[in-house]
Amino acid sequence: MSSRRDVTFIIVSYNSDKTLEASINSCLASVQKYYANTGAVVVYDNASSDNCPQIIDNFANKYPSIFIGIKSNENIGFGKANNKAVQLSPSKTYFLINPDVVFEPEIVNTLTATLNSANDIAIVCPKLLYLDKSIQPSIRKFPSFTYFLLRNLLGERLQQRFYPFKYYYDIAPTLDSAVEVNWAIGAFMVVSQDYVDRYGLFDERFFLYFEDVSLCVDAWLNGFRVIFQPQVHALHMYQRVSTSSKFNYMKLLHTVSALRFFAKYRPYKKRWQLLTHLLELNLSLKSPFRFLLLTRRWS
């Protein structure tokens, strides 16, 4: 596509048929209300085995001028799928939406106004709420390796006792205006064209998990800011798959991504890169667990 749109809403789906339709409808409502001639919704499906492909076909047939559906033959990962969607629909602003997030069209104006309020803002994220309307702790501080290690080995309670570290921003429930944050989870991100054109979007070395942390670190390192906008909110039907049990494939995948993250930014890169490679080898040998990856939802 040669022309650049004003806005593109991007959803990467993977076995998300229980929530995908509602999420797409939120995006379509926003396009129809504010960007009827200059916006689009792109859904990239990562080889889902559920009803996601049929849902995508239905929307493509009903909204051919503003909806683009891509059905991949393989699961290429969350970050890479978002990058391909960006390449397909160049825009001035990108809304990256999880397939389990719904929102009202009106929040789009506040988020784009915040993004465009300064040239050095790369990312803006709204407040996220659980379905019971309680606030999800979606804005966080960059983790240290010591924190990650102790929390996984000892659990949160003992980790806080031996290595106190405020991972979540406690101020989130009391905020009433936009503030800078280290990073926000990738369930709902608004990203500027200027930043994407200069530096790209997600680091494709992260298949799933920590790609959002890495994006925000890179933004700060490149002289841009990450902003939390608490004046608007979206609903997030959140499932912590990677922490639902101590030993599962998603937990291992989360650990590999974490180690790759620390290897990317830490001065002792080679040491953690070696450990990451060993864990990746373990992943490749866990063929029974690969089935779990194909049947669990991202969220």
C-alpha atoms as a PDB file:
ATOM      1  CA  MET A   1       0.000   0.000   0.000  1.00  0.00           C
ATOM      2  CA  SER A   2       1.579   3.272  -1.147  1.00  0.00           C
ATOM      3  CA  SER A   3      -0.488   5.822   0.780  1.00  0.00           C
ATOM      4  CA  ARG A   4      -0.141   6.267   4.513  1.00  0.00           C
ATOM      5  CA  ARG A   5      -3.271   6.033   6.633  1.00  0.00           C
ATOM      6  CA  ASP A   6      -3.971   8.228   9.640  1.00  0.00           C
ATOM      7  CA  VAL A   7      -4.555   5.291  11.973  1.00  0.00           C
ATOM      8  CA  THR A   8      -4.246   1.531  11.883  1.00  0.00           C
ATOM      9  CA  PHE A   9      -5.572  -0.711  14.651  1.00  0.00           C
ATOM     10  CA  ILE A  10      -3.573  -3.934  14.815  1.00  0.00           C
ATOM     11  CA  ILE A  11      -4.604  -7.161  16.535  1.00  0.00           C
ATOM     12  CA  VAL A  12      -2.484 -10.306  16.589  1.00  0.00           C
ATOM     13  CA  SER A  13      -4.694 -13.293  17.285  1.00  0.00           C
ATOM     14  CA  TYR A  14      -3.835 -16.791  18.397  1.00  0.00           C
ATOM     15  CA  ASN A  15      -6.616 -19.152  19.462  1.00  0.00           C
ATOM     16  CA  SER A  16      -8.511 -16.092  20.665  1.00  0.00           C
ATOM     17  CA  ASP A  17     -11.965 -16.789  19.257  1.00  0.00           C
ATOM     18  CA  LYS A  18     -13.770 -16.252  22.572  1.00  0.00           C
ATOM     19  CA  THR A  19     -12.789 -12.563  22.685  1.00  0.00           C
ATOM     20  CA  LEU A  20     -11.538 -11.658  19.208  1.00  0.00           C
ATOM     21  CA  GLU A  21     -14.853 -10.550  17.741  1.00  0.00           C
ATOM     22  CA  ALA A  22     -15.524  -8.034  20.517  1.00  0.00           C
ATOM     23  CA  SER A  23     -12.024  -6.641  20.203  1.00  0.00           C
ATOM     24  CA  ILE A  24     -12.354  -6.214  16.439  1.00  0.00           C
ATOM     25  CA  ASN A  25     -15.705  -4.490  16.894  1.00  0.00           C
ATOM     26  CA  SER A  26     -14.116  -1.969  19.278  1.00  0.00           C
ATOM     27  CA  CYS A  27     -11.493  -1.141  16.670  1.00  0.00           C
ATOM     28  CA  LEU A  28     -13.992  -0.960  13.808  1.00  0.00           C
ATOM     29  CA  ALA A  29     -16.278   1.340  15.809  1.00  0.00           C
ATOM     30  CA  SER A  30     -13.366   3.718  16.346  1.00  0.00           C
ATOM     31  CA  VAL A  31     -12.450   3.719  12.648  1.00  0.00           C
ATOM     32  CA  GLN A  32     -16.038   4.243  11.548  1.00  0.00           C
ATOM     33  CA  LYS A  33     -16.574   7.106  13.984  1.00  0.00           C
ATOM     34  CA  TYR A  34     -13.322   9.038  13.518  1.00  0.00           C
ATOM     35  CA  TYR A  35     -11.332   7.637  10.575  1.00  0.00           C
ATOM     36  CA  ALA A  36     -13.888   6.359   8.081  1.00  0.00           C
ATOM     37  CA  ASN A  37     -11.735   7.273   5.083  1.00  0.00           C
ATOM     38  CA  THR A  38      -8.279   7.243   6.665  1.00  0.00           C
ATOM     39  CA  GLY A  39      -8.211   4.311   9.078  1.00  0.00           C
ATOM     40  CA  ALA A  40      -8.029   0.542   9.005  1.00  0.00           C
ATOM     41  CA  VAL A  41      -8.146  -2.535  11.201  1.00  0.00           C
ATOM     42  CA  VAL A  42      -5.561  -5.241  10.568  1.00  0.00           C
ATOM     43  CA  VAL A  43      -5.826  -8.664  12.207  1.00  0.00           C
ATOM     44  CA  TYR A  44      -2.861 -10.998  11.822  1.00  0.00           C
ATOM     45  CA  ASP A  45      -3.686 -14.544  12.866  1.00  0.00           C
ATOM     46  CA  ASN A  46      -0.812 -16.774  13.942  1.00  0.00           C
ATOM     47  CA  ALA A  47      -2.137 -20.088  12.615  1.00  0.00           C
ATOM     48  CA  SER A  48      -4.950 -20.477  15.135  1.00  0.00           C
ATOM     49  CA  SER A  49      -6.568 -23.873  15.428  1.00  0.00           C
ATOM     50  CA  ASP A  50      -9.861 -22.483  16.746  1.00  0.00           C
ATOM     51  CA  ASN A  51     -12.457 -20.306  14.996  1.00  0.00           C
ATOM     52  CA  CYS A  52     -10.263 -17.212  14.561  1.00  0.00           C
ATOM     53  CA  PRO A  53      -9.730 -17.704  10.794  1.00  0.00           C
ATOM     54  CA  GLN A  54     -13.491 -17.867  10.200  1.00  0.00           C
ATOM     55  CA  ILE A  55     -14.056 -14.737  12.311  1.00  0.00           C
ATOM     56  CA  ILE A  56     -11.438 -12.919  10.246  1.00  0.00           C
ATOM     57  CA  ASP A  57     -13.069 -14.034   6.972  1.00  0.00           C
ATOM     58  CA  ASN A  58     -16.446 -12.808   8.178  1.00  0.00           C
ATOM     59  CA  PHE A  59     -15.130  -9.337   8.975  1.00  0.00           C
ATOM     60  CA  ALA A  60     -13.136  -9.158   5.728  1.00  0.00           C
ATOM     61  CA  ASN A  61     -16.306  -9.910   3.728  1.00  0.00           C
ATOM     62  CA  LYS A  62     -18.390  -7.416   5.684  1.00  0.00           C
ATOM     63  CA  TYR A  63     -15.887  -4.531   5.836  1.00  0.00           C
ATOM     64  CA  PRO A  64     -13.650  -4.880   2.764  1.00  0.00           C
ATOM     65  CA  SER A  65     -12.642  -1.214   2.676  1.00  0.00           C
ATOM     66  CA  ILE A  66     -11.387  -0.880   6.266  1.00  0.00           C
ATOM     67  CA  PHE A  67     -10.604  -4.420   7.438  1.00  0.00           C
ATOM     68  CA  ILE A  68      -7.551  -6.456   6.474  1.00  0.00           C
ATOM     69  CA  GLY A  69      -7.205 -10.041   7.631  1.00  0.00           C
ATOM     70  CA  ILE A  70      -4.020 -12.081   7.353  1.00  0.00           C
ATOM     71  CA  LYS A  71      -4.036 -15.802   8.114  1.00  0.00           C
ATOM     72  CA  SER A  72      -0.547 -17.123   8.617  1.00  0.00           C
ATOM     73  CA  ASN A  73       0.344 -20.765   8.019  1.00  0.00           C
ATOM     74  CA  GLU A  74       2.640 -20.751  11.043  1.00  0.00           C
ATOM     75  CA  ASN A  75       2.931 -19.100  14.416  1.00  0.00           C
ATOM     76  CA  ILE A  76       5.644 -16.501  13.840  1.00  0.00           C
ATOM     77  CA  GLY A  77       5.352 -14.861  17.261  1.00  0.00           C
ATOM     78  CA  PHE A  78       3.626 -11.812  18.655  1.00  0.00           C
ATOM     79  CA  GLY A  79       6.254  -9.190  17.831  1.00  0.00           C
ATOM     80  CA  LYS A  80       6.966 -10.372  14.299  1.00  0.00           C
ATOM     81  CA  ALA A  81       3.254 -10.552  13.470  1.00  0.00           C
ATOM     82  CA  ASN A  82       2.761  -6.954  14.645  1.00  0.00           C
ATOM     83  CA  ASN A  83       5.734  -5.870  12.532  1.00  0.00           C
ATOM     84  CA  LYS A  84       4.268  -7.503   9.428  1.00  0.00           C
ATOM     85  CA  ALA A  85       0.932  -5.778  10.058  1.00  0.00           C
ATOM     86  CA  VAL A  86       2.705  -2.414  10.305  1.00  0.00           C
ATOM     87  CA  GLN A  87       4.450  -3.053   6.990  1.00  0.00           C
ATOM     88  CA  LEU A  88       1.141  -3.913   5.383  1.00  0.00           C
ATOM     89  CA  SER A  89      -0.639  -0.751   6.526  1.00  0.00           C
ATOM     90  CA  PRO A  90       1.753   2.229   6.971  1.00  0.00           C
ATOM     91  CA  SER A  91       0.096   4.826   9.206  1.00  0.00           C
ATOM     92  CA  LYS A  92       0.724   7.988  11.164  1.00  0.00           C
ATOM     93  CA  THR A  93      -0.414   6.236  14.344  1.00  0.00           C
ATOM     94  CA  TYR A  94      -0.555   2.562  15.298  1.00  0.00           C
ATOM     95  CA  PHE A  95      -2.930   1.163  17.908  1.00  0.00           C
ATOM     96  CA  LEU A  96      -1.656  -2.232  19.055  1.00  0.00           C
ATOM     97  CA  ILE A  97      -4.555  -4.083  20.666  1.00  0.00           C
ATOM     98  CA  ASN A  98      -4.622  -7.502  22.297  1.00  0.00           C
ATOM     99  CA  PRO A  99      -7.447  -9.795  21.124  1.00  0.00           C
ATOM    100  CA  ASP A 100      -8.869  -9.753  24.657  1.00  0.00           C
ATOM    101  CA  VAL A 101      -9.191  -5.961  24.970  1.00  0.00           C
ATOM    102  CA  VAL A 102     -12.341  -3.886  24.387  1.00  0.00           C
ATOM    103  CA  PHE A 103     -12.786  -0.127  24.583  1.00  0.00           C
ATOM    104  CA  GLU A 104     -15.027   2.803  23.682  1.00  0.00           C
ATOM    105  CA  PRO A 105     -14.188   4.816  20.529  1.00  0.00           C
ATOM    106  CA  GLU A 106     -13.915   8.070  22.481  1.00  0.00           C
ATOM    107  CA  ILE A 107     -10.645   7.071  24.147  1.00  0.00           C
ATOM    108  CA  VAL A 108      -8.898   7.212  20.770  1.00  0.00           C
ATOM    109  CA  ASN A 109      -8.996  11.025  20.668  1.00  0.00           C
ATOM    110  CA  THR A 110      -7.416  11.416  24.095  1.00  0.00           C
ATOM    111  CA  LEU A 111      -4.687   8.901  23.327  1.00  0.00           C
ATOM    112  CA  THR A 112      -3.766  10.396  19.949  1.00  0.00           C
ATOM    113  CA  ALA A 113      -3.791  13.909  21.429  1.00  0.00           C
ATOM    114  CA  THR A 114      -1.401  12.743  24.147  1.00  0.00           C
ATOM    115  CA  LEU A 115       0.846  11.033  21.595  1.00  0.00           C
ATOM    116  CA  ASN A 116       0.972  14.162  19.449  1.00  0.00           C
ATOM    117  CA  SER A 117       1.467  16.585  22.337  1.00  0.00           C
ATOM    118  CA  ALA A 118       5.273  16.383  22.029  1.00  0.00           C
ATOM    119  CA  ASN A 119       7.668  15.216  19.332  1.00  0.00           C
ATOM    120  CA  ASP A 120       9.591  12.939  21.692  1.00  0.00           C
ATOM    121  CA  ILE A 121       6.657  10.740  22.743  1.00  0.00           C
ATOM    122  CA  ALA A 122       6.885   7.288  21.165  1.00  0.00           C
ATOM    123  CA  ILE A 123       4.301   5.290  23.099  1.00  0.00           C
ATOM    124  CA  VAL A 124       1.093   6.065  24.990  1.00  0.00           C
ATOM    125  CA  CYS A 125      -0.893   3.505  26.984  1.00  0.00           C
ATOM    126  CA  PRO A 126      -4.310   3.867  28.637  1.00  0.00           C
ATOM    127  CA  LYS A 127      -5.359   2.598  32.031  1.00  0.00           C
ATOM    128  CA  LEU A 128      -6.398  -1.050  31.881  1.00  0.00           C
ATOM    129  CA  LEU A 129      -9.259  -2.455  33.911  1.00  0.00           C
ATOM    130  CA  TYR A 130     -10.269  -6.004  34.698  1.00  0.00           C
ATOM    131  CA  LEU A 131     -13.830  -6.964  33.854  1.00  0.00           C
ATOM    132  CA  ASP A 132     -14.891  -6.162  37.424  1.00  0.00           C
ATOM    133  CA  LYS A 133     -13.596  -2.596  36.740  1.00  0.00           C
ATOM    134  CA  SER A 134     -10.686  -2.911  39.178  1.00  0.00           C
ATOM    135  CA  ILE A 135      -7.402  -1.464  37.951  1.00  0.00           C
ATOM    136  CA  GLN A 136      -4.888  -3.806  36.384  1.00  0.00           C
ATOM    137  CA  PRO A 137      -1.275  -3.030  37.393  1.00  0.00           C
ATOM    138  CA  SER A 138      -0.196  -2.488  33.799  1.00  0.00           C
ATOM    139  CA  ILE A 139       2.565   0.104  34.263  1.00  0.00           C
ATOM    140  CA  ARG A 140       5.814  -1.181  35.662  1.00  0.00           C
ATOM    141  CA  LYS A 141       9.445  -0.402  36.331  1.00  0.00           C
ATOM    142  CA  PHE A 142      12.228  -2.059  34.397  1.00  0.00           C
ATOM    143  CA  PRO A 143      13.075  -5.339  36.127  1.00  0.00           C
ATOM    144  CA  SER A 144      16.562  -6.186  37.328  1.00  0.00           C
ATOM    145  CA  PHE A 145      18.012  -9.636  36.822  1.00  0.00           C
ATOM    146  CA  THR A 146      18.276 -10.101  40.590  1.00  0.00           C
ATOM    147  CA  TYR A 147      14.568  -9.338  40.981  1.00  0.00           C
ATOM    148  CA  PHE A 148      13.615 -11.744  38.210  1.00  0.00           C
ATOM    149  CA  LEU A 149      15.803 -14.518  39.594  1.00  0.00           C
ATOM    150  CA  LEU A 150      14.680 -14.215  43.204  1.00  0.00           C
ATOM    151  CA  ARG A 151      11.003 -13.873  42.359  1.00  0.00           C
ATOM    152  CA  ASN A 152      11.096 -17.043  40.286  1.00  0.00           C
ATOM    153  CA  LEU A 153      13.159 -18.979  42.803  1.00  0.00           C
ATOM    154  CA  LEU A 154      11.674 -17.732  46.059  1.00  0.00           C
ATOM    155  CA  GLY A 155       8.268 -16.346  45.171  1.00  0.00           C
ATOM    156  CA  GLU A 156       7.087 -12.765  45.506  1.00  0.00           C
ATOM    157  CA  ARG A 157       6.805 -12.691  49.305  1.00  0.00           C
ATOM    158  CA  LEU A 158      10.353 -13.875  50.017  1.00  0.00           C
ATOM    159  CA  GLN A 159      11.740 -11.862  47.144  1.00  0.00           C
ATOM    160  CA  GLN A 160      10.318  -8.676  48.660  1.00  0.00           C
ATOM    161  CA  ARG A 161      11.811  -9.596  52.014  1.00  0.00           C
ATOM    162  CA  PHE A 162      15.340 -10.224  50.752  1.00  0.00           C
ATOM    163  CA  TYR A 163      15.394  -7.880  47.767  1.00  0.00           C
ATOM    164  CA  PRO A 164      12.748  -5.133  48.043  1.00  0.00           C
ATOM    165  CA  PHE A 165      11.876  -3.880  44.590  1.00  0.00           C
ATOM    166  CA  LYS A 166       8.764  -1.975  43.558  1.00  0.00           C
ATOM    167  CA  TYR A 167       8.004  -3.576  40.206  1.00  0.00           C
ATOM    168  CA  TYR A 168       4.551  -2.002  39.841  1.00  0.00           C
ATOM    169  CA  TYR A 169       3.809   1.710  40.048  1.00  0.00           C
ATOM    170  CA  ASP A 170       1.786   2.154  43.231  1.00  0.00           C
ATOM    171  CA  ILE A 171       0.621   5.582  42.063  1.00  0.00           C
ATOM    172  CA  ALA A 172      -1.480   4.239  39.187  1.00  0.00           C
ATOM    173  CA  PRO A 173      -4.863   4.243  41.010  1.00  0.00           C
ATOM    174  CA  THR A 174      -4.453   7.865  42.113  1.00  0.00           C
ATOM    175  CA  LEU A 175      -3.219   9.394  38.865  1.00  0.00           C
ATOM    176  CA  ASP A 176      -5.494  11.800  37.034  1.00  0.00           C
ATOM    177  CA  SER A 177      -3.112  13.111  34.351  1.00  0.00           C
ATOM    178  CA  ALA A 178      -0.547  11.702  31.933  1.00  0.00           C
ATOM    179  CA  VAL A 179       2.856  10.730  33.358  1.00  0.00           C
ATOM    180  CA  GLU A 180       6.081   9.164  32.158  1.00  0.00           C
ATOM    181  CA  VAL A 181       6.606   5.496  33.023  1.00  0.00           C
ATOM    182  CA  ASN A 182       9.372   2.975  32.404  1.00  0.00           C
ATOM    183  CA  TRP A 183       7.116   0.630  30.479  1.00  0.00           C
ATOM    184  CA  ALA A 184       3.548  -0.592  30.096  1.00  0.00           C
ATOM    185  CA  ILE A 185       2.325  -4.022  29.073  1.00  0.00           C
ATOM    186  CA  GLY A 186       1.618  -4.476  25.390  1.00  0.00           C
ATOM    187  CA  ALA A 187      -2.107  -5.194  25.705  1.00  0.00           C
ATOM    188  CA  PHE A 188      -2.914  -1.679  24.450  1.00  0.00           C
ATOM    189  CA  MET A 189      -0.197   0.562  23.035  1.00  0.00           C
ATOM    190  CA  VAL A 190      -0.381   3.600  20.790  1.00  0.00           C
ATOM    191  CA  VAL A 191       2.865   4.063  18.873  1.00  0.00           C
ATOM    192  CA  SER A 192       3.939   6.978  16.701  1.00  0.00           C
ATOM    193  CA  GLN A 193       4.853   6.776  13.023  1.00  0.00           C
ATOM    194  CA  ASP A 194       7.950   8.851  13.676  1.00  0.00           C
ATOM    195  CA  TYR A 195       9.379   6.319  16.094  1.00  0.00           C
ATOM    196  CA  VAL A 196       8.479   3.270  13.993  1.00  0.00           C
ATOM    197  CA  ASP A 197       9.937   4.827  10.837  1.00  0.00           C
ATOM    198  CA  ARG A 198      13.212   5.538  12.615  1.00  0.00           C
ATOM    199  CA  TYR A 199      13.687   2.496  14.800  1.00  0.00           C
ATOM    200  CA  GLY A 200      11.087  -0.091  13.890  1.00  0.00           C
ATOM    201  CA  LEU A 201       8.588  -1.694  16.248  1.00  0.00           C
ATOM    202  CA  PHE A 202       9.190  -4.974  18.090  1.00  0.00           C
ATOM    203  CA  ASP A 203      12.457  -6.854  18.353  1.00  0.00           C
ATOM    204  CA  GLU A 204      11.647 -10.141  16.619  1.00  0.00           C
ATOM    205  CA  ARG A 205      14.094 -12.082  18.763  1.00  0.00           C
ATOM    206  CA  PHE A 206      11.286 -12.115  21.355  1.00  0.00           C
ATOM    207  CA  PHE A 207       8.740 -14.686  20.225  1.00  0.00           C
ATOM    208  CA  LEU A 208       6.394 -13.944  23.117  1.00  0.00           C
ATOM    209  CA  TYR A 209       6.904 -12.044  26.393  1.00  0.00           C
ATOM    210  CA  PHE A 210       9.294  -9.150  27.046  1.00  0.00           C
ATOM    211  CA  GLU A 211       8.880  -7.735  23.536  1.00  0.00           C
ATOM    212  CA  ASP A 212       6.864  -4.893  25.093  1.00  0.00           C
ATOM    213  CA  VAL A 213       9.495  -4.277  27.781  1.00  0.00           C
ATOM    214  CA  SER A 214      12.215  -4.226  25.143  1.00  0.00           C
ATOM    215  CA  LEU A 215      10.238  -1.815  22.954  1.00  0.00           C
ATOM    216  CA  CYS A 216       9.932   0.647  25.829  1.00  0.00           C
ATOM    217  CA  VAL A 217      13.603   0.313  26.818  1.00  0.00           C
ATOM    218  CA  ASP A 218      14.587   0.990  23.222  1.00  0.00           C
ATOM    219  CA  ALA A 219      12.302   4.007  23.068  1.00  0.00           C
ATOM    220  CA  TRP A 220      13.940   5.541  26.138  1.00  0.00           C
ATOM    221  CA  LEU A 221      17.446   4.701  24.870  1.00  0.00           C
ATOM    222  CA  ASN A 222      16.620   6.358  21.553  1.00  0.00           C
ATOM    223  CA  GLY A 223      15.581   9.599  23.249  1.00  0.00           C
ATOM    224  CA  PHE A 224      11.816   9.068  23.227  1.00  0.00           C
ATOM    225  CA  ARG A 225       9.341   8.823  26.095  1.00  0.00           C
ATOM    226  CA  VAL A 226       6.693   6.326  27.199  1.00  0.00           C
ATOM    227  CA  ILE A 227       3.518   7.882  28.605  1.00  0.00           C
ATOM    228  CA  PHE A 228       0.708   6.454  30.721  1.00  0.00           C
ATOM    229  CA  GLN A 229      -2.640   8.197  30.157  1.00  0.00           C
ATOM    230  CA  PRO A 230      -4.993   7.376  33.082  1.00  0.00           C
ATOM    231  CA  GLN A 231      -7.812   9.641  31.884  1.00  0.00           C
ATOM    232  CA  VAL A 232      -9.114   6.885  29.602  1.00  0.00           C
ATOM    233  CA  HIS A 233      -9.358   3.143  30.037  1.00  0.00           C
ATOM    234  CA  ALA A 234      -9.870  -0.155  28.239  1.00  0.00           C
ATOM    235  CA  LEU A 235     -11.131  -3.482  29.567  1.00  0.00           C
ATOM    236  CA  HIS A 236      -8.617  -6.323  29.548  1.00  0.00           C
ATOM    237  CA  MET A 237      -9.742  -9.927  30.028  1.00  0.00           C
ATOM    238  CA  TYR A 238      -6.374 -10.883  31.435  1.00  0.00           C
ATOM    239  CA  GLN A 239      -5.077 -14.438  31.951  1.00  0.00           C
ATOM    240  CA  ARG A 240      -1.633 -14.952  33.436  1.00  0.00           C
ATOM    241  CA  VAL A 241      -0.862 -18.123  31.519  1.00  0.00           C
ATOM    242  CA  SER A 242       2.873 -18.064  32.207  1.00  0.00           C
ATOM    243  CA  THR A 243       2.316 -17.994  35.978  1.00  0.00           C
ATOM    244  CA  SER A 244      -0.689 -20.293  36.246  1.00  0.00           C
ATOM    245  CA  SER A 245       1.571 -23.119  37.386  1.00  0.00           C
ATOM    246  CA  LYS A 246       5.202 -23.450  38.342  1.00  0.00           C
ATOM    247  CA  PHE A 247       6.168 -25.717  35.466  1.00  0.00           C
ATOM    248  CA  ASN A 248       4.648 -25.337  32.004  1.00  0.00           C
ATOM    249  CA  TYR A 249       5.748 -24.491  28.488  1.00  0.00           C
ATOM    250  CA  MET A 250       4.622 -20.865  28.701  1.00  0.00           C
ATOM    251  CA  LYS A 251       6.584 -20.425  31.924  1.00  0.00           C
ATOM    252  CA  LEU A 252       9.687 -21.748  30.179  1.00  0.00           C
ATOM    253  CA  LEU A 253       9.053 -19.489  27.206  1.00  0.00           C
ATOM    254  CA  HIS A 254       8.693 -16.526  29.566  1.00  0.00           C
ATOM    255  CA  THR A 255      12.014 -17.407  31.192  1.00  0.00           C
ATOM    256  CA  VAL A 256      13.797 -17.675  27.829  1.00  0.00           C
ATOM    257  CA  SER A 257      12.435 -14.270  26.791  1.00  0.00           C
ATOM    258  CA  ALA A 258      13.498 -12.760  30.109  1.00  0.00           C
ATOM    259  CA  LEU A 259      17.039 -14.075  29.740  1.00  0.00           C
ATOM    260  CA  ARG A 260      17.175 -12.835  26.171  1.00  0.00           C
ATOM    261  CA  PHE A 261      16.063  -9.429  27.474  1.00  0.00           C
ATOM    262  CA  PHE A 262      18.838  -9.297  30.071  1.00  0.00           C
ATOM    263  CA  ALA A 263      21.341 -10.564  27.512  1.00  0.00           C
ATOM    264  CA  LYS A 264      20.342  -7.714  25.199  1.00  0.00           C
ATOM    265  CA  TYR A 265      20.878  -4.923  27.687  1.00  0.00           C
ATOM    266  CA  ARG A 266      23.198  -6.178  30.412  1.00  0.00           C
ATOM    267  CA  PRO A 267      26.995  -5.755  30.314  1.00  0.00           C
ATOM    268  CA  TYR A 268      27.496  -9.466  30.941  1.00  0.00           C
ATOM    269  CA  LYS A 269      25.829 -10.423  27.681  1.00  0.00           C
ATOM    270  CA  LYS A 270      27.794 -13.534  26.754  1.00  0.00           C
ATOM    271  CA  ARG A 271      27.049 -15.302  30.028  1.00  0.00           C
ATOM    272  CA  TRP A 272      23.280 -14.898  29.750  1.00  0.00           C
ATOM    273  CA  GLN A 273      23.287 -15.545  26.024  1.00  0.00           C
ATOM    274  CA  LEU A 274      24.821 -18.967  26.697  1.00  0.00           C
ATOM    275  CA  LEU A 275      22.164 -19.745  29.314  1.00  0.00           C
ATOM    276  CA  THR A 276      19.459 -18.553  26.928  1.00  0.00           C
ATOM    277  CA  HIS A 277      20.742 -20.840  24.167  1.00  0.00           C
ATOM    278  CA  LEU A 278      20.696 -23.802  26.544  1.00  0.00           C
ATOM    279  CA  LEU A 279      17.094 -23.085  27.511  1.00  0.00           C
ATOM    280  CA  GLU A 280      16.142 -22.661  23.859  1.00  0.00           C
ATOM    281  CA  LEU A 281      17.611 -26.096  23.178  1.00  0.00           C
ATOM    282  CA  ASN A 282      15.417 -27.387  25.995  1.00  0.00           C
ATOM    283  CA  LEU A 283      12.413 -25.741  24.350  1.00  0.00           C
ATOM    284  CA  SER A 284      13.146 -27.436  21.037  1.00  0.00           C
ATOM    285  CA  LEU A 285      13.281 -30.820  22.742  1.00  0.00           C
ATOM    286  CA  LYS A 286       9.983 -30.367  24.578  1.00  0.00           C
ATOM    287  CA  SER A 287       7.777 -31.526  21.718  1.00  0.00           C
ATOM    288  CA  PRO A 288       4.847 -32.515  24.001  1.00  0.00           C
ATOM    289  CA  PHE A 289       4.874 -29.010  25.427  1.00  0.00           C
ATOM    290  CA  ARG A 290       4.794 -27.476  21.953  1.00  0.00           C
ATOM    291  CA  PHE A 291       1.255 -28.776  21.682  1.00  0.00           C
ATOM    292  CA  LEU A 292       0.388 -26.643  24.709  1.00  0.00           C
ATOM    293  CA  LEU A 293       1.734 -23.569  22.951  1.00  0.00           C
ATOM    294  CA  LEU A 294      -0.568 -24.255  20.044  1.00  0.00           C
ATOM    295  CA  THR A 295      -3.639 -24.642  22.234  1.00  0.00           C
ATOM    296  CA  ARG A 296      -3.193 -21.935  24.873  1.00  0.00           C
ATOM    297  CA  ARG A 297      -4.245 -18.336  24.382  1.00  0.00           C
ATOM    298  CA  TRP A 298      -1.986 -15.325  24.472  1.00  0.00           C
ATOM    299  CA  SER A 299      -3.213 -12.881  27.077  1.00  0.00           C
END
